[in-house]
């Protein structure tokens, strides 16, 4: 890869990291998710700064073509993110169901939810 391409990759990665940090500061992205993406950004930054690192990792893993190692890592990361989000979605659906059931019980009792919340129930 040419020096110009390395500079471009470095700029893209650095701007992505800055964008993530901005989203966290504005509370548009929770820190637990930002940590995941910042970790990926740091790995990309290391690979962009030192392309020989990818070649060394590929040789160590027994992969003859460096970009294959990169794509394997990217696919693995995205697979783990999808699994995590599926778990998170399932957890939130369970919590929503419990809250809907509690609200239905409160409405069935005839008391407005606001007044019952102040009674400590």
N, C-alpha and C. Protein backbone atom coordinates (compact mmCIF):
# COMPACT_ATOMS: atom_id res chain seq x y z
N UNK A 1 0.85 -1.17 0.00
CA UNK A 1 0.00 0.00 0.00
C UNK A 1 0.90 1.24 0.00
N UNK A 2 0.51 2.25 -0.73
CA UNK A 2 1.32 3.45 -0.85
C UNK A 2 1.25 4.30 0.42
N UNK A 3 2.18 5.22 0.53
CA UNK A 3 2.22 6.12 1.69
C UNK A 3 0.96 6.98 1.74
N UNK A 4 0.47 7.38 0.59
CA UNK A 4 -0.74 8.20 0.52
C UNK A 4 -1.95 7.42 1.06
N UNK A 5 -2.02 6.14 0.73
CA UNK A 5 -3.11 5.30 1.21
C UNK A 5 -3.03 5.12 2.72
N UNK A 6 -1.81 4.96 3.25
CA UNK A 6 -1.64 4.84 4.70
C UNK A 6 -2.09 6.10 5.43
N UNK A 7 -1.76 7.23 4.88
CA UNK A 7 -2.18 8.50 5.48
C UNK A 7 -3.70 8.61 5.45
N UNK A 8 -4.31 8.23 4.34
CA UNK A 8 -5.77 8.27 4.22
C UNK A 8 -6.42 7.36 5.26
N UNK A 9 -5.91 6.14 5.40
CA UNK A 9 -6.46 5.20 6.38
C UNK A 9 -6.30 5.76 7.79
N UNK A 10 -5.14 6.32 8.09
CA UNK A 10 -4.92 6.92 9.41
C UNK A 10 -5.90 8.06 9.68
N UNK A 11 -6.13 8.90 8.70
CA UNK A 11 -7.08 10.01 8.87
C UNK A 11 -8.50 9.50 9.08
N UNK A 12 -8.90 8.49 8.35
CA UNK A 12 -10.25 7.94 8.50
C UNK A 12 -10.42 7.33 9.88
N UNK A 13 -9.42 6.57 10.33
CA UNK A 13 -9.51 5.93 11.64
C UNK A 13 -9.52 6.98 12.76
N UNK A 14 -8.64 7.97 12.67
CA UNK A 14 -8.60 9.02 13.70
C UNK A 14 -9.90 9.82 13.73
N UNK A 15 -10.46 10.11 12.57
CA UNK A 15 -11.73 10.86 12.56
C UNK A 15 -12.87 9.99 13.11
N UNK A 16 -12.83 8.70 12.86
CA UNK A 16 -13.85 7.79 13.41
C UNK A 16 -13.76 7.74 14.93
N UNK A 17 -12.56 7.67 15.46
CA UNK A 17 -12.37 7.66 16.91
C UNK A 17 -12.85 8.97 17.51
N UNK A 18 -12.54 10.09 16.86
CA UNK A 18 -13.00 11.39 17.36
C UNK A 18 -14.52 11.47 17.32
N UNK A 19 -15.14 10.93 16.29
CA UNK A 19 -16.60 10.91 16.18
C UNK A 19 -17.22 10.09 17.32
N UNK A 20 -16.63 8.93 17.62
CA UNK A 20 -17.12 8.10 18.73
C UNK A 20 -17.02 8.83 20.06
N UNK A 21 -15.89 9.48 20.29
CA UNK A 21 -15.71 10.21 21.54
C UNK A 21 -16.72 11.36 21.65
N UNK A 22 -16.99 12.00 20.53
CA UNK A 22 -17.99 13.09 20.52
C UNK A 22 -19.38 12.56 20.86
N UNK A 23 -19.72 11.39 20.31
CA UNK A 23 -21.03 10.80 20.60
C UNK A 23 -21.15 10.43 22.08
N UNK A 24 -20.08 9.94 22.67
CA UNK A 24 -20.11 9.59 24.09
C UNK A 24 -20.27 10.84 24.94
N UNK A 25 -19.54 11.89 24.61
CA UNK A 25 -19.64 13.14 25.37
C UNK A 25 -21.03 13.73 25.30
N UNK A 26 -21.70 13.58 24.17
CA UNK A 26 -23.06 14.10 24.00
C UNK A 26 -24.12 13.11 24.49
N UNK A 27 -23.67 12.01 25.05
CA UNK A 27 -24.55 10.96 25.57
C UNK A 27 -25.47 10.38 24.50
N UNK A 28 -24.96 10.31 23.27
CA UNK A 28 -25.70 9.69 22.18
C UNK A 28 -25.31 8.22 22.02
N UNK A 29 -24.24 7.83 22.69
CA UNK A 29 -23.75 6.46 22.64
C UNK A 29 -23.28 6.09 24.04
N UNK A 30 -23.78 4.97 24.54
CA UNK A 30 -23.39 4.56 25.88
C UNK A 30 -21.93 4.13 25.88
N UNK A 31 -21.30 4.32 27.02
CA UNK A 31 -19.88 4.03 27.15
C UNK A 31 -19.56 2.56 26.89
N UNK A 32 -20.46 1.66 27.27
CA UNK A 32 -20.17 0.23 27.07
C UNK A 32 -20.09 -0.11 25.59
N UNK A 33 -20.87 0.55 24.75
CA UNK A 33 -20.79 0.32 23.31
C UNK A 33 -19.60 1.07 22.72
N UNK A 34 -19.34 2.25 23.23
CA UNK A 34 -18.22 3.03 22.74
C UNK A 34 -16.90 2.30 23.00
N UNK A 35 -16.81 1.61 24.12
CA UNK A 35 -15.60 0.87 24.44
C UNK A 35 -15.32 -0.19 23.38
N UNK A 36 -16.35 -0.87 22.94
CA UNK A 36 -16.21 -1.87 21.90
C UNK A 36 -15.69 -1.24 20.61
N UNK A 37 -16.33 -0.17 20.18
CA UNK A 37 -15.94 0.46 18.93
C UNK A 37 -14.59 1.17 19.03
N UNK A 38 -14.28 1.73 20.19
CA UNK A 38 -12.97 2.35 20.36
C UNK A 38 -11.87 1.30 20.35
N UNK A 39 -12.15 0.13 20.90
CA UNK A 39 -11.17 -0.96 20.84
C UNK A 39 -10.90 -1.35 19.39
N UNK A 40 -11.97 -1.47 18.62
CA UNK A 40 -11.81 -1.78 17.19
C UNK A 40 -11.04 -0.67 16.48
N UNK A 41 -11.31 0.58 16.85
CA UNK A 41 -10.60 1.71 16.25
C UNK A 41 -9.12 1.71 16.57
N UNK A 42 -8.78 1.34 17.80
CA UNK A 42 -7.37 1.28 18.20
C UNK A 42 -6.65 0.19 17.40
N UNK A 43 -7.31 -0.95 17.23
CA UNK A 43 -6.70 -2.02 16.43
C UNK A 43 -6.50 -1.56 14.99
N UNK A 44 -7.50 -0.89 14.43
CA UNK A 44 -7.36 -0.36 13.07
C UNK A 44 -6.25 0.69 12.99
N UNK A 45 -6.14 1.50 14.02
CA UNK A 45 -5.10 2.51 14.05
C UNK A 45 -3.72 1.86 14.06
N UNK A 46 -3.56 0.81 14.87
CA UNK A 46 -2.29 0.09 14.90
C UNK A 46 -1.97 -0.54 13.55
N UNK A 47 -2.98 -1.14 12.92
CA UNK A 47 -2.77 -1.76 11.61
C UNK A 47 -2.47 -0.72 10.54
N UNK A 48 -3.11 0.44 10.64
CA UNK A 48 -2.86 1.50 9.65
C UNK A 48 -1.48 2.10 9.85
N UNK A 49 -1.05 2.23 11.10
CA UNK A 49 0.25 2.82 11.37
C UNK A 49 1.39 1.86 11.04
N UNK A 50 1.13 0.57 11.21
CA UNK A 50 2.17 -0.43 10.98
C UNK A 50 1.59 -1.60 10.18
N UNK A 51 1.61 -1.50 8.85
CA UNK A 51 1.04 -2.56 8.03
C UNK A 51 1.77 -3.90 8.19
N UNK A 52 3.04 -3.85 8.61
CA UNK A 52 3.78 -5.09 8.83
C UNK A 52 3.17 -5.90 9.96
N UNK A 53 2.47 -5.22 10.86
CA UNK A 53 1.83 -5.91 11.98
C UNK A 53 0.77 -6.90 11.48
N UNK A 54 0.02 -6.52 10.47
CA UNK A 54 -0.98 -7.41 9.88
C UNK A 54 -0.31 -8.61 9.23
N UNK A 55 0.80 -8.37 8.54
CA UNK A 55 1.52 -9.48 7.91
C UNK A 55 2.07 -10.44 8.95
N UNK A 56 2.61 -9.91 10.04
CA UNK A 56 3.13 -10.76 11.11
C UNK A 56 2.02 -11.58 11.76
N UNK A 57 0.88 -10.93 12.01
CA UNK A 57 -0.26 -11.65 12.60
C UNK A 57 -0.75 -12.73 11.65
N UNK A 58 -0.77 -12.44 10.36
CA UNK A 58 -1.21 -13.43 9.37
C UNK A 58 -0.28 -14.63 9.36
N UNK A 59 1.01 -14.38 9.37
CA UNK A 59 1.98 -15.48 9.39
C UNK A 59 1.82 -16.29 10.67
N UNK A 60 1.65 -15.62 11.80
CA UNK A 60 1.49 -16.31 13.08
C UNK A 60 0.24 -17.19 13.08
N UNK A 61 -0.83 -16.73 12.42
CA UNK A 61 -2.08 -17.50 12.35
C UNK A 61 -2.05 -18.54 11.23
N UNK A 62 -1.03 -18.50 10.40
CA UNK A 62 -0.93 -19.46 9.30
C UNK A 62 -1.74 -19.07 8.09
N UNK A 63 -2.02 -17.79 7.94
CA UNK A 63 -2.79 -17.28 6.80
C UNK A 63 -1.80 -16.62 5.85
N UNK A 64 -1.86 -17.00 4.59
CA UNK A 64 -0.84 -16.52 3.64
C UNK A 64 -1.12 -15.13 3.08
N UNK A 65 -2.36 -14.67 3.15
CA UNK A 65 -2.71 -13.38 2.57
C UNK A 65 -3.21 -12.45 3.68
N UNK A 66 -2.47 -11.37 3.94
CA UNK A 66 -2.76 -10.46 5.04
C UNK A 66 -4.17 -9.90 5.10
N UNK A 67 -4.72 -9.41 4.00
CA UNK A 67 -6.08 -8.87 4.06
C UNK A 67 -7.12 -9.89 4.49
N UNK A 68 -6.86 -11.17 4.25
CA UNK A 68 -7.78 -12.20 4.71
C UNK A 68 -7.87 -12.19 6.23
N UNK A 69 -6.73 -12.00 6.87
CA UNK A 69 -6.71 -11.92 8.34
C UNK A 69 -7.55 -10.74 8.81
N UNK A 70 -7.41 -9.61 8.14
CA UNK A 70 -8.18 -8.42 8.49
C UNK A 70 -9.68 -8.70 8.36
N UNK A 71 -10.10 -9.29 7.24
CA UNK A 71 -11.52 -9.58 7.03
C UNK A 71 -12.03 -10.62 8.01
N UNK A 72 -11.21 -11.59 8.33
CA UNK A 72 -11.61 -12.59 9.32
C UNK A 72 -11.86 -11.92 10.68
N UNK A 73 -10.96 -11.02 11.06
CA UNK A 73 -11.14 -10.29 12.32
C UNK A 73 -12.38 -9.41 12.29
N UNK A 74 -12.61 -8.73 11.18
CA UNK A 74 -13.76 -7.85 11.05
C UNK A 74 -15.07 -8.64 11.12
N UNK A 75 -15.12 -9.77 10.42
CA UNK A 75 -16.33 -10.59 10.44
C UNK A 75 -16.57 -11.15 11.84
N UNK A 76 -15.51 -11.57 12.50
CA UNK A 76 -15.64 -12.08 13.86
C UNK A 76 -16.17 -11.00 14.80
N UNK A 77 -15.61 -9.79 14.70
CA UNK A 77 -16.06 -8.69 15.54
C UNK A 77 -17.54 -8.38 15.29
N UNK A 78 -17.92 -8.30 14.03
CA UNK A 78 -19.32 -8.00 13.71
C UNK A 78 -20.25 -9.11 14.17
N UNK A 79 -19.82 -10.35 14.08
CA UNK A 79 -20.61 -11.47 14.57
C UNK A 79 -20.84 -11.35 16.07
N UNK A 80 -19.78 -11.01 16.80
CA UNK A 80 -19.92 -10.85 18.25
C UNK A 80 -20.82 -9.67 18.61
N UNK A 81 -20.75 -8.60 17.83
CA UNK A 81 -21.62 -7.44 18.06
C UNK A 81 -23.08 -7.83 17.83
N UNK A 82 -23.35 -8.57 16.78
CA UNK A 82 -24.72 -9.01 16.50
C UNK A 82 -25.24 -9.90 17.62
N UNK A 83 -24.42 -10.82 18.11
CA UNK A 83 -24.83 -11.68 19.22
C UNK A 83 -25.12 -10.84 20.46
N UNK A 84 -24.25 -9.88 20.75
CA UNK A 84 -24.46 -9.03 21.93
C UNK A 84 -25.76 -8.23 21.80
N UNK A 85 -26.00 -7.65 20.63
CA UNK A 85 -27.21 -6.87 20.45
C UNK A 85 -28.46 -7.75 20.49
N UNK A 86 -28.37 -8.97 20.02
CA UNK A 86 -29.50 -9.89 20.12
C UNK A 86 -29.79 -10.21 21.58
N UNK A 87 -28.75 -10.42 22.36
CA UNK A 87 -28.92 -10.67 23.80
C UNK A 87 -29.54 -9.45 24.47
N UNK A 88 -29.03 -8.28 24.14
CA UNK A 88 -29.54 -7.03 24.73
C UNK A 88 -31.01 -6.81 24.35
N UNK A 89 -31.35 -7.08 23.10
CA UNK A 89 -32.73 -6.94 22.65
C UNK A 89 -33.65 -7.91 23.38
N UNK A 90 -33.22 -9.14 23.56
CA UNK A 90 -34.03 -10.12 24.29
C UNK A 90 -34.25 -9.68 25.73
N UNK A 91 -33.21 -9.16 26.35
CA UNK A 91 -33.31 -8.68 27.73
C UNK A 91 -34.28 -7.52 27.82
N UNK A 92 -34.21 -6.60 26.88
CA UNK A 92 -35.10 -5.44 26.90
C UNK A 92 -36.55 -5.84 26.61
N UNK A 93 -36.75 -6.82 25.75
CA UNK A 93 -38.11 -7.30 25.50
C UNK A 93 -38.71 -7.91 26.76
N UNK A 94 -37.91 -8.66 27.51
CA UNK A 94 -38.39 -9.24 28.77
C UNK A 94 -38.77 -8.14 29.76
N UNK A 95 -37.91 -7.12 29.86
CA UNK A 95 -38.19 -6.02 30.79
C UNK A 95 -39.45 -5.26 30.37
N UNK A 96 -39.63 -5.05 29.07
CA UNK A 96 -40.82 -4.36 28.58
C UNK A 96 -42.07 -5.16 28.88
N UNK A 97 -42.02 -6.48 28.72
CA UNK A 97 -43.17 -7.33 29.02
C UNK A 97 -43.53 -7.24 30.49
N UNK A 98 -42.53 -7.28 31.38
CA UNK A 98 -42.79 -7.19 32.82
C UNK A 98 -43.40 -5.84 33.16
N UNK A 99 -42.88 -4.78 32.59
CA UNK A 99 -43.44 -3.45 32.86
C UNK A 99 -44.87 -3.33 32.34
N UNK A 100 -45.14 -3.89 31.16
CA UNK A 100 -46.50 -3.85 30.62
C UNK A 100 -47.46 -4.63 31.51
N UNK A 101 -47.00 -5.77 32.04
CA UNK A 101 -47.85 -6.55 32.94
C UNK A 101 -48.13 -5.79 34.23
N UNK A 102 -47.11 -5.14 34.79
CA UNK A 102 -47.30 -4.35 36.01
C UNK A 102 -48.25 -3.20 35.77
N UNK A 103 -48.14 -2.54 34.64
CA UNK A 103 -49.05 -1.45 34.30
C UNK A 103 -50.48 -1.95 34.14
N UNK A 104 -50.64 -3.11 33.53
CA UNK A 104 -51.98 -3.68 33.36
C UNK A 104 -52.61 -4.00 34.71
N UNK A 105 -51.80 -4.51 35.65
CA UNK A 105 -52.33 -4.81 36.99
C UNK A 105 -52.74 -3.51 37.68
N UNK A 106 -51.92 -2.48 37.58
CA UNK A 106 -52.26 -1.19 38.20
C UNK A 106 -53.54 -0.60 37.60
N UNK A 107 -53.67 -0.70 36.29
CA UNK A 107 -54.88 -0.17 35.65
C UNK A 107 -56.10 -1.00 36.03
N UNK A 108 -55.92 -2.30 36.18
CA UNK A 108 -57.04 -3.17 36.56
C UNK A 108 -57.50 -2.88 37.98
N UNK A 109 -56.59 -2.44 38.83
CA UNK A 109 -56.96 -2.09 40.20
C UNK A 109 -57.68 -0.76 40.27
N UNK A 110 -57.62 0.02 39.19
CA UNK A 110 -58.37 1.27 39.13
C UNK A 110 -57.61 2.49 39.61
N UNK A 111 -56.42 2.34 40.10
CA UNK A 111 -55.65 3.49 40.58
C UNK A 111 -54.73 3.97 39.47
N UNK A 112 -54.65 5.29 39.29
CA UNK A 112 -53.71 5.80 38.28
C UNK A 112 -52.27 5.46 38.70
N UNK A 113 -51.41 5.12 37.75
CA UNK A 113 -50.04 4.72 38.08
C UNK A 113 -49.26 5.79 38.85
N UNK A 114 -49.53 7.07 38.57
CA UNK A 114 -48.78 8.13 39.24
C UNK A 114 -49.05 8.13 40.75
N UNK A 115 -50.32 7.95 41.15
CA UNK A 115 -50.65 8.02 42.56
C UNK A 115 -50.11 6.79 43.30
N UNK A 116 -50.06 5.66 42.63
CA UNK A 116 -49.56 4.44 43.29
C UNK A 116 -48.05 4.52 43.44
N UNK A 117 -47.38 5.19 42.51
CA UNK A 117 -45.93 5.29 42.61
C UNK A 117 -45.52 6.13 43.82
N UNK A 118 -46.33 7.11 44.19
CA UNK A 118 -46.01 7.95 45.33
C UNK A 118 -46.34 7.27 46.65
N UNK A 119 -47.18 6.23 46.61
CA UNK A 119 -47.54 5.50 47.83
C UNK A 119 -46.47 4.49 48.23
N UNK A 120 -45.45 4.31 47.40
CA UNK A 120 -44.39 3.37 47.72
C UNK A 120 -44.71 1.96 47.30
N UNK A 121 -45.71 1.76 46.47
CA UNK A 121 -46.08 0.42 46.00
C UNK A 121 -45.37 0.12 44.72
